[in-house]
Amino acid sequence: MKRIGWYSLIFLGLIGGLTACQEDVEPVDAVVVYENDFSGEDLGEVRNGRLRSFDGGTVLGNYNNEEIAVQVDNLPSHKMLKVTVDVLLHDSWDGNAGPAGGPDIWYLKVDGQALVNATFSNQPCLSTWCLSQSYPDPYGRHHDPKTDALETELPGLCQYADSIGWTTKYRISKIIRHQEGQVTLVCGDKTVQQHLNSSQICDESWSLSKIKVSLVE
């Protein structure tokens, strides 16, 4: 087996780091057909849309066992589509736990095609107790809570509104083959809350801080 020198290892590490940093970079020839960070309080294309304040900004939400849909019409000719959503998971998401506390699933569909169907966990992970999540893989896999999160030190929204670390933000980007002149994006959750003294939406909910749809080619 051929040995790799230290300089080669460092070079490969730098290349790998650059590649990872560019995962969310928009392709040069991409055409943005829809983008909304909800700061302008525009809900024209959103079904079941509602807005609320969170952490000094405006988000779409919050939701519990509900769906929202965004329909974008009159798309130019294209072959590939990129969808990016920034999702905020608030309060006590329990990941793969069950049956009383989970599984807690969040999903993303584009024209009926499931791009994300995963559990998420906001719970602390201790040596003796850890409620794992499946994300970034589909439900059925096991990873530590908050794996691949964009931000983890955000305050909760309701049950843990005064505690840092109880909202987790994920940036999810997916590229799919798509040629139709219309696209419908659906986000929703299937969460479990049994034996609660408070409302379900106060126990765990989700919001979106950004949606972006681009034509890649």
N, C-alpha and C. Protein backbone atom coordinates (compact mmCIF):
# COMPACT_ATOMS: atom_id res chain seq x y z
N MET A 1 0.84 -1.20 0.00
CA MET A 1 0.00 0.00 0.00
C MET A 1 0.87 1.24 0.00
N LYS A 2 0.56 2.19 -0.88
CA LYS A 2 1.35 3.41 -1.00
C LYS A 2 1.10 4.33 0.18
N ARG A 3 2.19 4.82 0.78
CA ARG A 3 2.07 5.74 1.90
C ARG A 3 1.80 7.16 1.39
N ILE A 4 1.01 7.89 2.17
CA ILE A 4 0.71 9.28 1.85
C ILE A 4 1.44 10.17 2.84
N GLY A 5 2.24 11.11 2.34
CA GLY A 5 3.01 12.00 3.19
C GLY A 5 2.14 12.99 3.93
N TRP A 6 2.75 13.64 4.94
CA TRP A 6 2.00 14.60 5.75
C TRP A 6 1.48 15.76 4.91
N TYR A 7 2.29 16.25 3.93
CA TYR A 7 1.83 17.36 3.11
C TYR A 7 0.62 16.97 2.28
N SER A 8 0.62 15.72 1.81
CA SER A 8 -0.52 15.24 1.02
C SER A 8 -1.76 15.14 1.88
N LEU A 9 -1.61 14.67 3.12
CA LEU A 9 -2.75 14.56 4.02
C LEU A 9 -3.34 15.93 4.33
N ILE A 10 -2.46 16.91 4.55
CA ILE A 10 -2.95 18.26 4.84
C ILE A 10 -3.69 18.82 3.64
N PHE A 11 -3.13 18.58 2.43
CA PHE A 11 -3.78 19.07 1.21
C PHE A 11 -5.15 18.44 1.03
N LEU A 12 -5.25 17.12 1.25
CA LEU A 12 -6.52 16.44 1.11
C LEU A 12 -7.53 16.94 2.13
N GLY A 13 -7.06 17.22 3.34
CA GLY A 13 -7.95 17.75 4.38
C GLY A 13 -8.50 19.11 4.01
N LEU A 14 -7.63 19.96 3.42
CA LEU A 14 -8.08 21.28 3.00
C LEU A 14 -9.11 21.19 1.89
N ILE A 15 -8.87 20.28 0.92
CA ILE A 15 -9.82 20.09 -0.18
C ILE A 15 -11.15 19.61 0.36
N GLY A 16 -11.12 18.64 1.30
CA GLY A 16 -12.35 18.14 1.90
C GLY A 16 -13.11 19.22 2.62
N GLY A 17 -12.37 20.09 3.34
CA GLY A 17 -13.02 21.18 4.06
C GLY A 17 -13.68 22.16 3.12
N LEU A 18 -13.00 22.47 1.99
CA LEU A 18 -13.59 23.38 1.02
C LEU A 18 -14.85 22.80 0.42
N THR A 19 -14.81 21.50 0.12
CA THR A 19 -15.98 20.85 -0.46
C THR A 19 -17.16 20.91 0.49
N ALA A 20 -16.91 20.63 1.79
CA ALA A 20 -17.99 20.65 2.77
C ALA A 20 -18.58 22.05 2.90
N CYS A 21 -17.71 23.09 2.85
CA CYS A 21 -18.20 24.44 3.02
C CYS A 21 -19.07 24.89 1.86
N GLN A 22 -18.91 24.26 0.68
CA GLN A 22 -19.62 24.72 -0.49
C GLN A 22 -20.90 23.94 -0.76
N GLU A 23 -21.32 23.07 0.14
CA GLU A 23 -22.52 22.28 -0.07
C GLU A 23 -23.76 23.14 -0.27
N ASP A 24 -23.84 24.28 0.44
CA ASP A 24 -25.02 25.13 0.37
C ASP A 24 -24.84 26.30 -0.59
N VAL A 25 -23.71 26.32 -1.31
CA VAL A 25 -23.49 27.40 -2.26
C VAL A 25 -24.37 27.20 -3.48
N GLU A 26 -25.04 28.28 -3.91
CA GLU A 26 -25.93 28.20 -5.07
C GLU A 26 -25.10 28.01 -6.33
N PRO A 27 -25.44 27.06 -7.21
CA PRO A 27 -24.73 26.91 -8.48
C PRO A 27 -24.75 28.21 -9.26
N VAL A 28 -23.69 28.45 -10.04
CA VAL A 28 -23.53 29.70 -10.76
C VAL A 28 -24.71 29.97 -11.69
N ASP A 29 -25.21 28.90 -12.35
CA ASP A 29 -26.27 29.07 -13.33
C ASP A 29 -27.67 28.90 -12.75
N ALA A 30 -27.80 28.88 -11.42
CA ALA A 30 -29.11 28.69 -10.79
C ALA A 30 -29.99 29.92 -10.99
N VAL A 31 -31.29 29.66 -11.14
CA VAL A 31 -32.28 30.73 -11.26
C VAL A 31 -33.24 30.63 -10.08
N VAL A 32 -33.22 31.62 -9.20
CA VAL A 32 -34.10 31.61 -8.03
C VAL A 32 -35.51 31.97 -8.48
N VAL A 33 -36.45 31.07 -8.23
CA VAL A 33 -37.84 31.31 -8.64
C VAL A 33 -38.75 31.63 -7.45
N TYR A 34 -38.29 31.34 -6.25
CA TYR A 34 -39.06 31.69 -5.05
C TYR A 34 -38.11 31.77 -3.87
N GLU A 35 -38.23 32.83 -3.09
CA GLU A 35 -37.42 32.99 -1.88
C GLU A 35 -38.19 33.83 -0.89
N ASN A 36 -38.25 33.37 0.35
CA ASN A 36 -39.01 34.08 1.38
C ASN A 36 -38.37 33.85 2.74
N ASP A 37 -37.95 34.93 3.40
CA ASP A 37 -37.48 34.83 4.79
C ASP A 37 -38.51 35.39 5.76
N PHE A 38 -39.69 35.75 5.24
CA PHE A 38 -40.86 36.16 6.01
C PHE A 38 -40.68 37.49 6.75
N SER A 39 -39.56 38.16 6.50
CA SER A 39 -39.36 39.47 7.12
C SER A 39 -40.33 40.51 6.57
N GLY A 40 -40.77 40.32 5.32
CA GLY A 40 -41.74 41.23 4.73
C GLY A 40 -43.17 40.82 4.97
N GLU A 41 -43.36 39.74 5.76
CA GLU A 41 -44.68 39.23 6.13
C GLU A 41 -45.52 38.89 4.90
N ASP A 42 -44.85 38.37 3.86
CA ASP A 42 -45.52 37.97 2.62
C ASP A 42 -45.85 36.49 2.69
N LEU A 43 -47.15 36.16 2.61
CA LEU A 43 -47.60 34.77 2.65
C LEU A 43 -48.42 34.41 1.41
N GLY A 44 -48.19 35.13 0.31
CA GLY A 44 -49.02 34.96 -0.87
C GLY A 44 -49.09 33.55 -1.41
N GLU A 45 -47.95 32.81 -1.42
CA GLU A 45 -47.92 31.45 -1.99
C GLU A 45 -48.05 30.36 -0.94
N VAL A 46 -48.22 30.73 0.32
CA VAL A 46 -48.20 29.75 1.40
C VAL A 46 -49.61 29.37 1.83
N ARG A 47 -49.91 28.09 1.78
CA ARG A 47 -51.19 27.58 2.31
C ARG A 47 -51.01 27.20 3.77
N ASN A 48 -51.98 27.59 4.60
CA ASN A 48 -51.92 27.40 6.05
C ASN A 48 -50.77 28.20 6.66
N GLY A 49 -50.53 29.37 6.09
CA GLY A 49 -49.44 30.21 6.58
C GLY A 49 -49.86 31.10 7.73
N ARG A 50 -48.98 31.24 8.69
CA ARG A 50 -49.16 32.21 9.78
C ARG A 50 -47.77 32.60 10.27
N LEU A 51 -47.69 33.80 10.82
CA LEU A 51 -46.40 34.35 11.22
C LEU A 51 -46.37 34.62 12.72
N ARG A 52 -45.16 34.57 13.27
CA ARG A 52 -44.98 34.93 14.66
C ARG A 52 -43.54 35.40 14.87
N SER A 53 -43.31 36.06 15.97
CA SER A 53 -41.97 36.54 16.32
C SER A 53 -41.20 35.43 17.02
N PHE A 54 -39.91 35.36 16.70
CA PHE A 54 -39.03 34.43 17.41
C PHE A 54 -37.60 34.93 17.34
N ASP A 55 -36.97 35.07 18.49
CA ASP A 55 -35.55 35.41 18.61
C ASP A 55 -35.22 36.68 17.82
N GLY A 56 -36.09 37.67 17.89
CA GLY A 56 -35.84 38.96 17.26
C GLY A 56 -36.20 39.05 15.79
N GLY A 57 -36.78 37.98 15.22
CA GLY A 57 -37.18 37.99 13.82
C GLY A 57 -38.58 37.46 13.64
N THR A 58 -38.98 37.29 12.38
CA THR A 58 -40.30 36.76 12.05
C THR A 58 -40.13 35.42 11.37
N VAL A 59 -40.91 34.43 11.80
CA VAL A 59 -40.83 33.09 11.23
C VAL A 59 -42.23 32.66 10.80
N LEU A 60 -42.26 31.65 9.93
CA LEU A 60 -43.51 31.02 9.53
C LEU A 60 -43.81 29.93 10.54
N GLY A 61 -44.89 30.09 11.28
CA GLY A 61 -45.17 29.09 12.30
C GLY A 61 -45.87 29.70 13.50
N ASN A 62 -45.91 28.96 14.59
CA ASN A 62 -45.35 27.63 14.73
C ASN A 62 -46.45 26.58 14.53
N TYR A 63 -46.05 25.33 14.31
CA TYR A 63 -46.96 24.26 13.93
C TYR A 63 -46.72 23.00 14.77
N ASN A 64 -47.79 22.24 14.95
CA ASN A 64 -47.71 20.93 15.60
C ASN A 64 -48.73 20.01 14.94
N ASN A 65 -48.24 18.90 14.37
CA ASN A 65 -49.09 17.96 13.63
C ASN A 65 -49.91 18.68 12.57
N GLU A 66 -49.23 19.51 11.80
CA GLU A 66 -49.83 20.28 10.72
C GLU A 66 -48.90 20.29 9.51
N GLU A 67 -49.46 20.74 8.38
CA GLU A 67 -48.69 20.90 7.15
C GLU A 67 -48.82 22.33 6.64
N ILE A 68 -47.77 22.79 5.95
CA ILE A 68 -47.86 24.00 5.14
C ILE A 68 -47.47 23.61 3.72
N ALA A 69 -47.94 24.37 2.74
CA ALA A 69 -47.61 24.10 1.34
C ALA A 69 -47.29 25.40 0.64
N VAL A 70 -46.29 25.34 -0.24
CA VAL A 70 -45.92 26.49 -1.07
C VAL A 70 -45.99 26.03 -2.52
N GLN A 71 -46.77 26.73 -3.32
CA GLN A 71 -46.90 26.39 -4.74
C GLN A 71 -46.29 27.50 -5.58
N VAL A 72 -45.36 27.12 -6.47
CA VAL A 72 -44.71 28.08 -7.36
C VAL A 72 -45.10 27.72 -8.79
N ASP A 73 -45.70 28.67 -9.50
CA ASP A 73 -46.21 28.44 -10.86
C ASP A 73 -45.30 29.10 -11.90
N ASN A 74 -45.60 28.77 -13.17
CA ASN A 74 -44.96 29.41 -14.33
C ASN A 74 -43.44 29.30 -14.29
N LEU A 75 -42.94 28.08 -14.04
CA LEU A 75 -41.50 27.86 -14.00
C LEU A 75 -40.94 27.84 -15.42
N PRO A 76 -39.79 28.48 -15.66
CA PRO A 76 -39.12 28.37 -16.95
C PRO A 76 -38.65 26.93 -17.20
N SER A 77 -38.26 26.64 -18.42
CA SER A 77 -37.76 25.32 -18.76
C SER A 77 -36.54 24.97 -17.90
N HIS A 78 -36.53 23.74 -17.37
CA HIS A 78 -35.44 23.32 -16.49
C HIS A 78 -35.41 21.80 -16.41
N LYS A 79 -34.33 21.26 -15.83
CA LYS A 79 -34.18 19.81 -15.65
C LYS A 79 -34.00 19.43 -14.18
N MET A 80 -33.45 20.34 -13.39
CA MET A 80 -33.18 20.06 -11.98
C MET A 80 -33.70 21.22 -11.14
N LEU A 81 -34.10 20.86 -9.91
CA LEU A 81 -34.66 21.84 -8.98
C LEU A 81 -33.95 21.71 -7.64
N LYS A 82 -33.62 22.83 -7.02
CA LYS A 82 -33.02 22.83 -5.68
C LYS A 82 -33.96 23.49 -4.69
N VAL A 83 -34.25 22.78 -3.62
CA VAL A 83 -35.11 23.30 -2.55
C VAL A 83 -34.28 23.44 -1.28
N THR A 84 -34.34 24.60 -0.65
CA THR A 84 -33.64 24.83 0.61
C THR A 84 -34.63 25.38 1.63
N VAL A 85 -34.66 24.78 2.80
CA VAL A 85 -35.51 25.28 3.89
C VAL A 85 -34.68 25.39 5.16
N ASP A 86 -34.90 26.45 5.92
CA ASP A 86 -34.33 26.58 7.25
C ASP A 86 -35.45 26.29 8.24
N VAL A 87 -35.35 25.15 8.92
CA VAL A 87 -36.41 24.72 9.83
C VAL A 87 -35.93 24.85 11.27
N LEU A 88 -36.82 25.37 12.12
CA LEU A 88 -36.56 25.55 13.55
C LEU A 88 -37.42 24.55 14.32
N LEU A 89 -36.80 23.71 15.13
CA LEU A 89 -37.51 22.72 15.93
C LEU A 89 -37.49 23.19 17.38
N HIS A 90 -38.68 23.50 17.89
CA HIS A 90 -38.81 24.14 19.19
C HIS A 90 -39.15 23.15 20.31
N ASP A 91 -38.52 23.35 21.45
CA ASP A 91 -38.87 22.69 22.71
C ASP A 91 -38.55 21.18 22.70
N SER A 92 -39.42 20.32 23.23
CA SER A 92 -38.99 18.98 23.65
C SER A 92 -39.17 17.90 22.57
N TRP A 93 -38.55 18.08 21.40
CA TRP A 93 -38.55 17.01 20.41
C TRP A 93 -37.80 15.82 20.96
N ASP A 94 -38.40 14.61 20.82
CA ASP A 94 -37.88 13.42 21.47
C ASP A 94 -37.29 12.39 20.51
N GLY A 95 -37.12 12.76 19.25
CA GLY A 95 -36.44 11.88 18.31
C GLY A 95 -37.11 10.53 18.14
N ASN A 96 -36.32 9.47 18.30
CA ASN A 96 -36.80 8.09 18.09
C ASN A 96 -37.56 7.52 19.27
N ALA A 97 -37.69 8.29 20.34
CA ALA A 97 -38.32 7.76 21.56
C ALA A 97 -39.75 7.31 21.30
N GLY A 98 -40.19 6.35 22.07
CA GLY A 98 -41.56 5.88 21.95
C GLY A 98 -41.88 4.95 23.11
N PRO A 99 -43.18 4.62 23.32
CA PRO A 99 -44.30 5.10 22.52
C PRO A 99 -44.93 6.41 23.05
N ALA A 100 -44.70 6.76 24.30
CA ALA A 100 -45.37 7.94 24.86
C ALA A 100 -44.81 9.25 24.34
N GLY A 101 -43.51 9.29 24.03
CA GLY A 101 -42.89 10.56 23.65
C GLY A 101 -42.50 10.67 22.19
N GLY A 102 -42.68 9.63 21.41
CA GLY A 102 -42.23 9.68 20.03
C GLY A 102 -42.71 8.47 19.25
N PRO A 103 -42.26 8.30 18.03
CA PRO A 103 -41.23 9.12 17.36
C PRO A 103 -41.77 10.49 16.97
N ASP A 104 -40.85 11.46 16.93
CA ASP A 104 -41.19 12.83 16.53
C ASP A 104 -40.56 13.08 15.16
N ILE A 105 -41.41 13.11 14.14
CA ILE A 105 -40.97 13.16 12.75
C ILE A 105 -41.30 14.50 12.12
N TRP A 106 -40.36 15.03 11.36
CA TRP A 106 -40.60 16.19 10.49
C TRP A 106 -40.31 15.76 9.07
N TYR A 107 -41.12 16.24 8.10
CA TYR A 107 -40.94 15.78 6.72
C TYR A 107 -41.04 16.94 5.73
N LEU A 108 -40.42 16.69 4.57
CA LEU A 108 -40.44 17.63 3.44
C LEU A 108 -40.75 16.83 2.19
N LYS A 109 -41.76 17.27 1.43
CA LYS A 109 -42.13 16.64 0.18
C LYS A 109 -42.14 17.67 -0.93
N VAL A 110 -41.74 17.24 -2.12
CA VAL A 110 -41.83 18.09 -3.31
C VAL A 110 -42.61 17.32 -4.36
N ASP A 111 -43.75 17.87 -4.75
CA ASP A 111 -44.66 17.20 -5.69
C ASP A 111 -44.95 15.76 -5.27
N GLY A 112 -45.14 15.56 -3.98
CA GLY A 112 -45.47 14.25 -3.43
C GLY A 112 -44.28 13.36 -3.17
N GLN A 113 -43.10 13.75 -3.61
CA GLN A 113 -41.89 12.95 -3.39
C GLN A 113 -41.27 13.31 -2.04
N ALA A 114 -41.09 12.31 -1.18
CA ALA A 114 -40.54 12.55 0.15
C ALA A 114 -39.03 12.77 0.06
N LEU A 115 -38.59 13.98 0.40
CA LEU A 115 -37.16 14.28 0.42
C LEU A 115 -36.57 14.13 1.83
N VAL A 116 -37.39 14.41 2.84
CA VAL A 116 -36.99 14.22 4.25
C VAL A 116 -38.15 13.58 4.98
N ASN A 117 -37.85 12.53 5.73
CA ASN A 117 -38.82 11.90 6.64
C ASN A 117 -38.01 11.37 7.81
N ALA A 118 -37.71 12.25 8.74
CA ALA A 118 -36.72 11.94 9.77
C ALA A 118 -37.19 12.39 11.15
N THR A 119 -36.65 11.74 12.16
CA THR A 119 -36.91 12.17 13.54
C THR A 119 -35.82 13.16 13.96
N PHE A 120 -36.20 14.05 14.89
CA PHE A 120 -35.29 15.06 15.43
C PHE A 120 -35.41 15.06 16.95
N SER A 121 -34.29 15.31 17.61
CA SER A 121 -34.26 15.32 19.07
C SER A 121 -33.58 16.58 19.59
N ASN A 122 -34.23 17.26 20.52
CA ASN A 122 -33.64 18.41 21.21
C ASN A 122 -33.14 18.04 22.61
N GLN A 123 -33.22 16.78 22.96
CA GLN A 123 -32.92 16.37 24.32
C GLN A 123 -31.41 16.29 24.57
N PRO A 124 -31.00 16.52 25.82
CA PRO A 124 -29.57 16.34 26.16
C PRO A 124 -29.19 14.88 26.03
N CYS A 125 -27.96 14.64 25.63
CA CYS A 125 -27.47 13.26 25.46
C CYS A 125 -26.45 12.97 26.56
N LEU A 126 -26.85 12.13 27.50
CA LEU A 126 -25.99 11.76 28.63
C LEU A 126 -25.49 10.34 28.47
N SER A 127 -24.52 9.96 29.26
CA SER A 127 -23.95 8.62 29.14
C SER A 127 -24.97 7.53 29.49
N THR A 128 -25.94 7.87 30.33
CA THR A 128 -26.93 6.88 30.76
C THR A 128 -28.29 7.06 30.09
N TRP A 129 -28.44 8.13 29.29
CA TRP A 129 -29.77 8.42 28.74
C TRP A 129 -29.62 9.33 27.54
N CYS A 130 -30.10 8.88 26.39
CA CYS A 130 -29.95 9.67 25.18
C CYS A 130 -31.08 9.33 24.21
N LEU A 131 -31.91 10.32 23.89
CA LEU A 131 -32.98 10.12 22.92
C LEU A 131 -32.44 10.50 21.54
N SER A 132 -32.05 9.49 20.78
CA SER A 132 -31.40 9.71 19.50
C SER A 132 -32.39 10.20 18.44
N GLN A 133 -31.85 10.72 17.33
CA GLN A 133 -32.65 11.11 16.18
C GLN A 133 -32.13 10.38 14.95
N SER A 134 -32.94 10.34 13.90
CA SER A 134 -32.48 9.67 12.68
C SER A 134 -31.79 10.65 11.73
N TYR A 135 -32.19 11.93 11.74
CA TYR A 135 -31.61 12.91 10.82
C TYR A 135 -30.10 12.98 11.01
N PRO A 136 -29.31 12.99 9.94
CA PRO A 136 -29.66 13.30 8.55
C PRO A 136 -30.14 12.12 7.72
N ASP A 137 -30.37 10.97 8.33
CA ASP A 137 -30.90 9.81 7.61
C ASP A 137 -32.40 9.69 7.84
N PRO A 138 -33.09 8.89 7.03
CA PRO A 138 -34.53 8.67 7.24
C PRO A 138 -34.80 7.99 8.57
N TYR A 139 -36.05 8.08 9.02
CA TYR A 139 -36.48 7.44 10.26
C TYR A 139 -36.13 5.96 10.22
N GLY A 140 -35.54 5.50 11.32
CA GLY A 140 -35.07 4.12 11.42
C GLY A 140 -33.60 4.05 11.78
N ARG A 141 -32.88 5.14 11.53
CA ARG A 141 -31.47 5.22 11.88
C ARG A 141 -31.31 5.94 13.22
N HIS A 142 -30.08 5.92 13.76
CA HIS A 142 -29.83 6.52 15.07
C HIS A 142 -28.58 7.41 15.03
N HIS A 143 -28.77 8.67 15.40
CA HIS A 143 -27.67 9.62 15.55
C HIS A 143 -27.90 10.42 16.83
N ASP A 144 -26.84 11.06 17.31
CA ASP A 144 -26.98 11.90 18.51
C ASP A 144 -27.95 13.06 18.25
N PRO A 145 -28.62 13.56 19.29
CA PRO A 145 -29.47 14.73 19.13
C PRO A 145 -28.71 15.89 18.49
N LYS A 146 -29.38 16.62 17.63
CA LYS A 146 -28.88 17.83 16.99
C LYS A 146 -27.78 17.58 15.97
N THR A 147 -27.61 16.35 15.53
CA THR A 147 -26.61 16.06 14.51
C THR A 147 -26.89 16.86 13.25
N ASP A 148 -25.84 17.47 12.70
CA ASP A 148 -25.89 18.27 11.46
C ASP A 148 -26.72 19.54 11.59
N ALA A 149 -26.91 20.02 12.81
CA ALA A 149 -27.67 21.26 13.00
C ALA A 149 -26.85 22.47 12.57
N LEU A 150 -27.54 23.51 12.13
CA LEU A 150 -26.89 24.78 11.77
C LEU A 150 -26.68 25.64 13.01
N GLU A 151 -27.68 25.67 13.91
CA GLU A 151 -27.57 26.40 15.17
C GLU A 151 -28.21 25.57 16.28
N THR A 152 -27.57 25.55 17.45
CA THR A 152 -28.09 24.74 18.56
C THR A 152 -28.36 25.56 19.83
N GLU A 153 -27.85 26.77 19.89
CA GLU A 153 -27.97 27.56 21.12
C GLU A 153 -29.04 28.64 21.00
N LEU A 154 -30.23 28.23 20.58
CA LEU A 154 -31.36 29.15 20.48
C LEU A 154 -32.35 28.87 21.61
N PRO A 155 -33.09 29.88 22.05
CA PRO A 155 -34.05 29.65 23.14
C PRO A 155 -35.24 28.83 22.68
N GLY A 156 -35.88 28.15 23.62
CA GLY A 156 -37.13 27.47 23.31
C GLY A 156 -38.22 28.48 22.98
N LEU A 157 -39.36 27.98 22.54
CA LEU A 157 -40.43 28.88 22.11
C LEU A 157 -41.55 28.98 23.13
N CYS A 158 -41.89 27.88 23.78
CA CYS A 158 -43.03 27.88 24.70
C CYS A 158 -42.66 27.22 26.02
N GLN A 159 -42.58 25.91 26.02
CA GLN A 159 -42.29 25.19 27.26
C GLN A 159 -40.93 25.59 27.85
N TYR A 160 -39.96 25.83 26.96
CA TYR A 160 -38.60 26.20 27.42
C TYR A 160 -38.21 27.57 26.88
N ALA A 161 -39.16 28.50 26.88
CA ALA A 161 -38.93 29.82 26.29
C ALA A 161 -37.79 30.58 26.95
N ASP A 162 -37.52 30.31 28.19
CA ASP A 162 -36.47 31.03 28.92
C ASP A 162 -35.16 30.26 28.99
N SER A 163 -35.05 29.18 28.23
CA SER A 163 -33.85 28.33 28.31
C SER A 163 -33.17 28.22 26.95
N ILE A 164 -31.86 28.49 26.93
CA ILE A 164 -31.08 28.36 25.70
C ILE A 164 -30.85 26.89 25.37
N GLY A 165 -30.88 26.57 24.09
CA GLY A 165 -30.60 25.20 23.66
C GLY A 165 -31.83 24.38 23.35
N TRP A 166 -33.02 24.99 23.45
CA TRP A 166 -34.26 24.23 23.23
C TRP A 166 -34.96 24.58 21.92
N THR A 167 -34.27 25.29 21.05
CA THR A 167 -34.64 25.37 19.63
C THR A 167 -33.40 25.05 18.82
N THR A 168 -33.55 24.20 17.83
CA THR A 168 -32.44 23.81 16.96
C THR A 168 -32.79 24.15 15.52
N LYS A 169 -31.85 24.75 14.84
CA LYS A 169 -32.06 25.18 13.45
C LYS A 169 -31.27 24.29 12.50
N TYR A 170 -31.95 23.82 11.45
CA TYR A 170 -31.32 23.00 10.41
C TYR A 170 -31.52 23.68 9.06
N ARG A 171 -30.49 23.66 8.25
CA ARG A 171 -30.62 24.09 6.85
C ARG A 171 -30.61 22.83 5.98
N ILE A 172 -31.72 22.57 5.33
CA ILE A 172 -31.88 21.36 4.53
C ILE A 172 -31.97 21.74 3.06
N SER A 173 -31.04 21.24 2.26
CA SER A 173 -31.00 21.52 0.82
C SER A 173 -31.06 20.20 0.06
N LYS A 174 -31.94 20.13 -0.93
CA LYS A 174 -32.11 18.94 -1.75
C LYS A 174 -32.22 19.34 -3.22
N ILE A 175 -31.53 18.58 -4.08
CA ILE A 175 -31.63 18.77 -5.52
C ILE A 175 -32.30 17.54 -6.13
N ILE A 176 -33.33 17.76 -6.94
CA ILE A 176 -34.07 16.65 -7.55
C ILE A 176 -34.27 16.93 -9.03
N ARG A 177 -34.53 15.85 -9.78
CA ARG A 177 -34.91 15.99 -11.17
C ARG A 177 -36.33 16.54 -11.24
N HIS A 178 -36.54 17.54 -12.09
CA HIS A 178 -37.85 18.18 -12.16
C HIS A 178 -37.96 18.95 -13.46
N GLN A 179 -39.05 18.77 -14.19
CA GLN A 179 -39.22 19.45 -15.47
C GLN A 179 -40.57 20.15 -15.62
N GLU A 180 -41.48 19.95 -14.68
CA GLU A 180 -42.82 20.51 -14.81
C GLU A 180 -42.81 22.03 -14.65
N GLY A 181 -43.88 22.66 -15.08
CA GLY A 181 -44.00 24.11 -14.99
C GLY A 181 -44.52 24.62 -13.67
N GLN A 182 -44.78 23.71 -12.73
CA GLN A 182 -45.30 24.06 -11.41
C GLN A 182 -44.66 23.13 -10.38
N VAL A 183 -44.42 23.63 -9.19
CA VAL A 183 -43.90 22.79 -8.11
C VAL A 183 -44.61 23.13 -6.81
N THR A 184 -44.89 22.08 -6.03
CA THR A 184 -45.52 22.26 -4.72
C THR A 184 -44.64 21.65 -3.65
N LEU A 185 -44.28 22.45 -2.69
CA LEU A 185 -43.43 22.03 -1.58
C LEU A 185 -44.31 21.92 -0.34
N VAL A 186 -44.23 20.80 0.36
CA VAL A 186 -45.02 20.56 1.57
C VAL A 186 -44.09 20.24 2.74
N CYS A 187 -44.27 20.92 3.86
CA CYS A 187 -43.56 20.63 5.11
C CYS A 187 -44.58 20.28 6.18
N GLY A 188 -44.25 19.32 7.02
CA GLY A 188 -45.18 18.95 8.09
C GLY A 188 -44.51 18.08 9.14
N ASP A 189 -45.29 17.71 10.13
CA ASP A 189 -44.74 16.87 11.21
C ASP A 189 -45.75 15.83 11.66
N LYS A 190 -45.22 14.77 12.24
CA LYS A 190 -46.02 13.75 12.92
C LYS A 190 -45.34 13.51 14.26
N THR A 191 -45.84 14.22 15.27
CA THR A 191 -45.22 14.14 16.58
C THR A 191 -46.17 13.51 17.59
N VAL A 192 -45.59 12.97 18.65
CA VAL A 192 -46.36 12.24 19.66
C VAL A 192 -46.22 12.96 21.00
N GLN A 193 -47.35 13.30 21.60
CA GLN A 193 -47.36 13.88 22.95
C GLN A 193 -48.48 13.23 23.74
N GLN A 194 -48.13 12.30 24.60
CA GLN A 194 -49.14 11.64 25.44
C GLN A 194 -48.92 12.04 26.90
N HIS A 195 -50.01 12.02 27.65
CA HIS A 195 -49.96 12.30 29.09
C HIS A 195 -49.45 13.72 29.37
N LEU A 196 -49.90 14.68 28.55
CA LEU A 196 -49.48 16.06 28.74
C LEU A 196 -50.43 16.82 29.65
N ASN A 197 -49.86 17.72 30.44
CA ASN A 197 -50.67 18.64 31.22
C ASN A 197 -50.86 19.97 30.48
N SER A 198 -50.00 20.20 29.45
CA SER A 198 -50.08 21.43 28.67
C SER A 198 -50.49 21.10 27.24
N SER A 199 -50.61 22.11 26.39
CA SER A 199 -51.01 21.88 25.02
C SER A 199 -49.89 21.21 24.23
N GLN A 200 -50.27 20.49 23.17
CA GLN A 200 -49.28 19.79 22.35
C GLN A 200 -48.32 20.76 21.68
N ILE A 201 -48.85 21.88 21.15
CA ILE A 201 -48.00 22.82 20.43
C ILE A 201 -47.01 23.51 21.36
N CYS A 202 -47.32 23.57 22.65
CA CYS A 202 -46.39 24.15 23.61
C CYS A 202 -45.30 23.14 23.99
N ASP A 203 -45.61 21.86 23.86
CA ASP A 203 -44.64 20.82 24.19
C ASP A 203 -43.56 20.73 23.11
N GLU A 204 -43.96 20.72 21.84
CA GLU A 204 -43.00 20.68 20.74
C GLU A 204 -43.67 21.18 19.47
N SER A 205 -42.95 21.98 18.72
CA SER A 205 -43.49 22.56 17.49
C SER A 205 -42.33 22.89 16.56
N TRP A 206 -42.66 23.42 15.39
CA TRP A 206 -41.63 23.80 14.42
C TRP A 206 -42.06 25.05 13.65
N SER A 207 -41.06 25.73 13.12
CA SER A 207 -41.26 26.92 12.30
C SER A 207 -40.27 26.89 11.15
N LEU A 208 -40.49 27.75 10.17
CA LEU A 208 -39.54 27.94 9.08
C LEU A 208 -39.07 29.39 9.09
N SER A 209 -37.77 29.59 8.95
CA SER A 209 -37.24 30.95 8.86
C SER A 209 -36.86 31.33 7.44
N LYS A 210 -36.84 30.35 6.52
CA LYS A 210 -36.54 30.67 5.12
C LYS A 210 -36.94 29.50 4.22
N ILE A 211 -37.42 29.84 3.03
CA ILE A 211 -37.68 28.87 1.97
C ILE A 211 -37.07 29.45 0.69
N LYS A 212 -36.37 28.60 -0.07
CA LYS A 212 -35.78 29.04 -1.33
C LYS A 212 -35.90 27.91 -2.36
N VAL A 213 -36.39 28.25 -3.54
CA VAL A 213 -36.53 27.28 -4.64
C VAL A 213 -35.78 27.84 -5.83
N SER A 214 -34.86 27.03 -6.39
CA SER A 214 -34.05 27.45 -7.53
C SER A 214 -34.08 26.41 -8.63
N LEU A 215 -33.99 26.86 -9.87
CA LEU A 215 -33.82 25.99 -11.01
C LEU A 215 -32.33 25.87 -11.27
N VAL A 216 -31.81 24.64 -11.19
CA VAL A 216 -30.36 24.45 -11.29
C VAL A 216 -29.90 24.42 -12.74
N GLU A 217 -30.68 23.78 -13.60
CA GLU A 217 -30.33 23.76 -15.04
C GLU A 217 -31.57 23.49 -15.86
